[in-house]
Amino acid sequence: MDLNYLYLRRGVSLARAGEARCEASRTAHLGLYEAYGQRIAARRPLLSIKAVTA
């Protein structure tokens, strides 16, 4: 899955949590926000670039 998509969905979840009208909805969106954050963190090691030595 594309990291840009995960960052987008994480941002949308945070925005929706801020706009939520009830605690249950806020909690659900914050849960999604955290879950997307965990998925992003899991993919970060995959981004490490090895130095090329000549």
PDB file of N, CA and C in Angstrom:
ATOM      1  N   MET A   1       0.841  -1.172   0.000  1.00  0.00           N
ATOM      2  CA  MET A   1       0.000   0.000   0.000  1.00  0.00           C
ATOM      3  C   MET A   1       0.891   1.241   0.000  1.00  0.00           C
ATOM      4  N   ASP A   2       0.479   2.239  -0.714  1.00  0.00           N
ATOM      5  CA  ASP A   2       1.237   3.471  -0.863  1.00  0.00           C
ATOM      6  C   ASP A   2       1.252   4.274   0.439  1.00  0.00           C
ATOM      7  N   LEU A   3       2.430   4.749   0.818  1.00  0.00           N
ATOM      8  CA  LEU A   3       2.552   5.551   2.038  1.00  0.00           C
ATOM      9  C   LEU A   3       1.752   6.841   1.953  1.00  0.00           C
ATOM     10  N   ASN A   4       1.684   7.441   0.777  1.00  0.00           N
ATOM     11  CA  ASN A   4       0.904   8.671   0.630  1.00  0.00           C
ATOM     12  C   ASN A   4      -0.555   8.434   0.990  1.00  0.00           C
ATOM     13  N   TYR A   5      -1.087   7.293   0.570  1.00  0.00           N
ATOM     14  CA  TYR A   5      -2.470   6.953   0.887  1.00  0.00           C
ATOM     15  C   TYR A   5      -2.651   6.810   2.393  1.00  0.00           C
ATOM     16  N   LEU A   6      -1.705   6.147   3.048  1.00  0.00           N
ATOM     17  CA  LEU A   6      -1.803   5.965   4.495  1.00  0.00           C
ATOM     18  C   LEU A   6      -1.754   7.305   5.220  1.00  0.00           C
ATOM     19  N   TYR A   7      -0.859   8.194   4.788  1.00  0.00           N
ATOM     20  CA  TYR A   7      -0.785   9.526   5.399  1.00  0.00           C
ATOM     21  C   TYR A   7      -2.078  10.307   5.164  1.00  0.00           C
ATOM     22  N   LEU A   8      -2.644  10.195   3.965  1.00  0.00           N
ATOM     23  CA  LEU A   8      -3.909  10.864   3.661  1.00  0.00           C
ATOM     24  C   LEU A   8      -5.017  10.362   4.575  1.00  0.00           C
ATOM     25  N   ARG A   9      -5.161   9.040   4.671  1.00  0.00           N
ATOM     26  CA  ARG A   9      -6.230   8.461   5.489  1.00  0.00           C
ATOM     27  C   ARG A   9      -6.042   8.808   6.965  1.00  0.00           C
ATOM     28  N   ARG A  10      -4.783   8.857   7.412  1.00  0.00           N
ATOM     29  CA  ARG A  10      -4.506   9.225   8.803  1.00  0.00           C
ATOM     30  C   ARG A  10      -4.963  10.660   9.058  1.00  0.00           C
ATOM     31  N   GLY A  11      -4.660  11.560   8.134  1.00  0.00           N
ATOM     32  CA  GLY A  11      -5.078  12.953   8.274  1.00  0.00           C
ATOM     33  C   GLY A  11      -6.588  13.111   8.254  1.00  0.00           C
ATOM     34  N   VAL A  12      -7.246  12.381   7.372  1.00  0.00           N
ATOM     35  CA  VAL A  12      -8.707  12.426   7.294  1.00  0.00           C
ATOM     36  C   VAL A  12      -9.317  11.911   8.597  1.00  0.00           C
ATOM     37  N   SER A  13      -8.759  10.854   9.142  1.00  0.00           N
ATOM     38  CA  SER A  13      -9.273  10.296  10.397  1.00  0.00           C
ATOM     39  C   SER A  13      -9.145  11.296  11.534  1.00  0.00           C
ATOM     40  N   LEU A  14      -8.021  12.003  11.589  1.00  0.00           N
ATOM     41  CA  LEU A  14      -7.829  13.004  12.633  1.00  0.00           C
ATOM     42  C   LEU A  14      -8.814  14.158  12.464  1.00  0.00           C
ATOM     43  N   ALA A  15      -9.019  14.599  11.233  1.00  0.00           N
ATOM     44  CA  ALA A  15      -9.972  15.681  10.974  1.00  0.00           C
ATOM     45  C   ALA A  15     -11.386  15.266  11.367  1.00  0.00           C
ATOM     46  N   ARG A  16     -11.766  14.055  11.015  1.00  0.00           N
ATOM     47  CA  ARG A  16     -13.115  13.580  11.356  1.00  0.00           C
ATOM     48  C   ARG A  16     -13.288  13.407  12.857  1.00  0.00           C
ATOM     49  N   ALA A  17     -12.221  13.021  13.534  1.00  0.00           N
ATOM     50  CA  ALA A  17     -12.294  12.919  14.997  1.00  0.00           C
ATOM     51  C   ALA A  17     -12.545  14.295  15.595  1.00  0.00           C
ATOM     52  N   GLY A  18     -11.904  15.311  15.038  1.00  0.00           N
ATOM     53  CA  GLY A  18     -12.089  16.669  15.531  1.00  0.00           C
ATOM     54  C   GLY A  18     -13.474  17.219  15.274  1.00  0.00           C
ATOM     55  N   GLU A  19     -14.137  16.727  14.233  1.00  0.00           N
ATOM     56  CA  GLU A  19     -15.472  17.195  13.869  1.00  0.00           C
ATOM     57  C   GLU A  19     -16.585  16.306  14.415  1.00  0.00           C
ATOM     58  N   ALA A  20     -16.225  15.237  15.080  1.00  0.00           N
ATOM     59  CA  ALA A  20     -17.222  14.263  15.551  1.00  0.00           C
ATOM     60  C   ALA A  20     -18.195  14.904  16.533  1.00  0.00           C
ATOM     61  N   ARG A  21     -19.447  14.517  16.418  1.00  0.00           N
ATOM     62  CA  ARG A  21     -20.493  15.069  17.282  1.00  0.00           C
ATOM     63  C   ARG A  21     -20.746  14.226  18.520  1.00  0.00           C
ATOM     64  N   CYS A  22     -20.233  13.012  18.529  1.00  0.00           N
ATOM     65  CA  CYS A  22     -20.430  12.173  19.714  1.00  0.00           C
ATOM     66  C   CYS A  22     -19.114  11.487  20.077  1.00  0.00           C
ATOM     67  N   GLU A  23     -19.027  11.070  21.308  1.00  0.00           N
ATOM     68  CA  GLU A  23     -17.793  10.462  21.815  1.00  0.00           C
ATOM     69  C   GLU A  23     -17.468   9.147  21.099  1.00  0.00           C
ATOM     70  N   ALA A  24     -18.490   8.364  20.782  1.00  0.00           N
ATOM     71  CA  ALA A  24     -18.254   7.079  20.109  1.00  0.00           C
ATOM     72  C   ALA A  24     -17.616   7.289  18.735  1.00  0.00           C
ATOM     73  N   SER A  25     -18.114   8.260  18.000  1.00  0.00           N
ATOM     74  CA  SER A  25     -17.555   8.562  16.687  1.00  0.00           C
ATOM     75  C   SER A  25     -16.131   9.092  16.814  1.00  0.00           C
ATOM     76  N   ARG A  26     -15.911   9.968  17.772  1.00  0.00           N
ATOM     77  CA  ARG A  26     -14.571  10.515  18.005  1.00  0.00           C
ATOM     78  C   ARG A  26     -13.588   9.396  18.332  1.00  0.00           C
ATOM     79  N   THR A  27     -14.004   8.491  19.195  1.00  0.00           N
ATOM     80  CA  THR A  27     -13.152   7.369  19.589  1.00  0.00           C
ATOM     81  C   THR A  27     -12.837   6.468  18.396  1.00  0.00           C
ATOM     82  N   ALA A  28     -13.834   6.215  17.567  1.00  0.00           N
ATOM     83  CA  ALA A  28     -13.630   5.366  16.388  1.00  0.00           C
ATOM     84  C   ALA A  28     -12.627   5.998  15.425  1.00  0.00           C
ATOM     85  N   HIS A  29     -12.772   7.283  15.169  1.00  0.00           N
ATOM     86  CA  HIS A  29     -11.864   7.961  14.242  1.00  0.00           C
ATOM     87  C   HIS A  29     -10.458   8.072  14.817  1.00  0.00           C
ATOM     88  N   LEU A  30     -10.344   8.284  16.111  1.00  0.00           N
ATOM     89  CA  LEU A  30      -9.016   8.310  16.728  1.00  0.00           C
ATOM     90  C   LEU A  30      -8.367   6.928  16.673  1.00  0.00           C
ATOM     91  N   GLY A  31      -9.176   5.890  16.778  1.00  0.00           N
ATOM     92  CA  GLY A  31      -8.656   4.527  16.635  1.00  0.00           C
ATOM     93  C   GLY A  31      -8.105   4.291  15.239  1.00  0.00           C
ATOM     94  N   LEU A  32      -8.829   4.779  14.229  1.00  0.00           N
ATOM     95  CA  LEU A  32      -8.337   4.665  12.855  1.00  0.00           C
ATOM     96  C   LEU A  32      -7.058   5.469  12.672  1.00  0.00           C
ATOM     97  N   TYR A  33      -7.019   6.651  13.257  1.00  0.00           N
ATOM     98  CA  TYR A  33      -5.820   7.499  13.206  1.00  0.00           C
ATOM     99  C   TYR A  33      -4.613   6.747  13.758  1.00  0.00           C
ATOM    100  N   GLU A  34      -4.784   6.107  14.900  1.00  0.00           N
ATOM    101  CA  GLU A  34      -3.694   5.339  15.516  1.00  0.00           C
ATOM    102  C   GLU A  34      -3.307   4.136  14.653  1.00  0.00           C
ATOM    103  N   ALA A  35      -4.302   3.454  14.102  1.00  0.00           N
ATOM    104  CA  ALA A  35      -4.028   2.274  13.275  1.00  0.00           C
ATOM    105  C   ALA A  35      -3.241   2.651  12.020  1.00  0.00           C
ATOM    106  N   TYR A  36      -3.627   3.752  11.382  1.00  0.00           N
ATOM    107  CA  TYR A  36      -2.863   4.203  10.213  1.00  0.00           C
ATOM    108  C   TYR A  36      -1.448   4.584  10.619  1.00  0.00           C
ATOM    109  N   GLY A  37      -1.285   5.199  11.774  1.00  0.00           N
ATOM    110  CA  GLY A  37       0.046   5.542  12.269  1.00  0.00           C
ATOM    111  C   GLY A  37       0.916   4.310  12.463  1.00  0.00           C
ATOM    112  N   GLN A  38       0.315   3.242  12.962  1.00  0.00           N
ATOM    113  CA  GLN A  38       1.061   1.998  13.154  1.00  0.00           C
ATOM    114  C   GLN A  38       1.466   1.388  11.812  1.00  0.00           C
ATOM    115  N   ARG A  39       0.577   1.467  10.838  1.00  0.00           N
ATOM    116  CA  ARG A  39       0.906   0.931   9.512  1.00  0.00           C
ATOM    117  C   ARG A  39       2.022   1.742   8.861  1.00  0.00           C
ATOM    118  N   ILE A  40       1.998   3.050   9.066  1.00  0.00           N
ATOM    119  CA  ILE A  40       3.065   3.906   8.539  1.00  0.00           C
ATOM    120  C   ILE A  40       4.385   3.550   9.207  1.00  0.00           C
ATOM    121  N   ALA A  41       4.368   3.422  10.520  1.00  0.00           N
ATOM    122  CA  ALA A  41       5.591   3.099  11.266  1.00  0.00           C
ATOM    123  C   ALA A  41       6.161   1.749  10.839  1.00  0.00           C
ATOM    124  N   ALA A  42       5.293   0.803  10.533  1.00  0.00           N
ATOM    125  CA  ALA A  42       5.751  -0.523  10.115  1.00  0.00           C
ATOM    126  C   ALA A  42       6.455  -0.472   8.760  1.00  0.00           C
ATOM    127  N   ARG A  43       6.108   0.500   7.940  1.00  0.00           N
ATOM    128  CA  ARG A  43       6.700   0.601   6.606  1.00  0.00           C
ATOM    129  C   ARG A  43       7.947   1.476   6.577  1.00  0.00           C
ATOM    130  N   ARG A  44       8.187   2.239   7.599  1.00  0.00           N
ATOM    131  CA  ARG A  44       9.354   3.128   7.597  1.00  0.00           C
ATOM    132  C   ARG A  44      10.675   2.385   7.422  1.00  0.00           C
ATOM    133  N   PRO A  45      10.888   1.235   8.076  1.00  0.00           N
ATOM    134  CA  PRO A  45      12.166   0.536   7.853  1.00  0.00           C
ATOM    135  C   PRO A  45      12.376   0.154   6.389  1.00  0.00           C
ATOM    136  N   LEU A  46      11.307  -0.017   5.661  1.00  0.00           N
ATOM    137  CA  LEU A  46      11.412  -0.380   4.251  1.00  0.00           C
ATOM    138  C   LEU A  46      11.949   0.775   3.414  1.00  0.00           C
ATOM    139  N   LEU A  47      11.918   1.985   3.971  1.00  0.00           N
ATOM    140  CA  LEU A  47      12.356   3.157   3.227  1.00  0.00           C
ATOM    141  C   LEU A  47      13.840   3.442   3.371  1.00  0.00           C
ATOM    142  N   SER A  48      14.499   2.759   4.290  1.00  0.00           N
ATOM    143  CA  SER A  48      15.914   3.060   4.507  1.00  0.00           C
ATOM    144  C   SER A  48      16.708   2.737   3.244  1.00  0.00           C
ATOM    145  N   ILE A  49      17.538   3.679   2.883  1.00  0.00           N
ATOM    146  CA  ILE A  49      18.332   3.544   1.664  1.00  0.00           C
ATOM    147  C   ILE A  49      19.764   3.227   2.056  1.00  0.00           C
ATOM    148  N   LYS A  50      20.278   2.186   1.493  1.00  0.00           N
ATOM    149  CA  LYS A  50      21.654   1.777   1.778  1.00  0.00           C
ATOM    150  C   LYS A  50      22.619   2.680   1.014  1.00  0.00           C
ATOM    151  N   ALA A  51      23.687   3.075   1.686  1.00  0.00           N
ATOM    152  CA  ALA A  51      24.709   3.898   1.037  1.00  0.00           C
ATOM    153  C   ALA A  51      25.472   3.054   0.027  1.00  0.00           C
ATOM    154  N   VAL A  52      25.714   3.627  -1.104  1.00  0.00           N
ATOM    155  CA  VAL A  52      26.475   2.943  -2.146  1.00  0.00           C
ATOM    156  C   VAL A  52      27.942   3.284  -1.941  1.00  0.00           C
ATOM    157  N   THR A  53      28.748   2.264  -1.784  1.00  0.00           N
ATOM    158  CA  THR A  53      30.189   2.487  -1.605  1.00  0.00           C
ATOM    159  C   THR A  53      30.915   2.087  -2.876  1.00  0.00           C
ATOM    160  N   ALA A  54      31.852   2.902  -3.260  1.00  0.00           N
ATOM    161  CA  ALA A  54      32.591   2.635  -4.508  1.00  0.00           C
ATOM    162  C   ALA A  54      33.856   1.861  -4.252  1.00  0.00           C
TER     163      ALA A  54
END
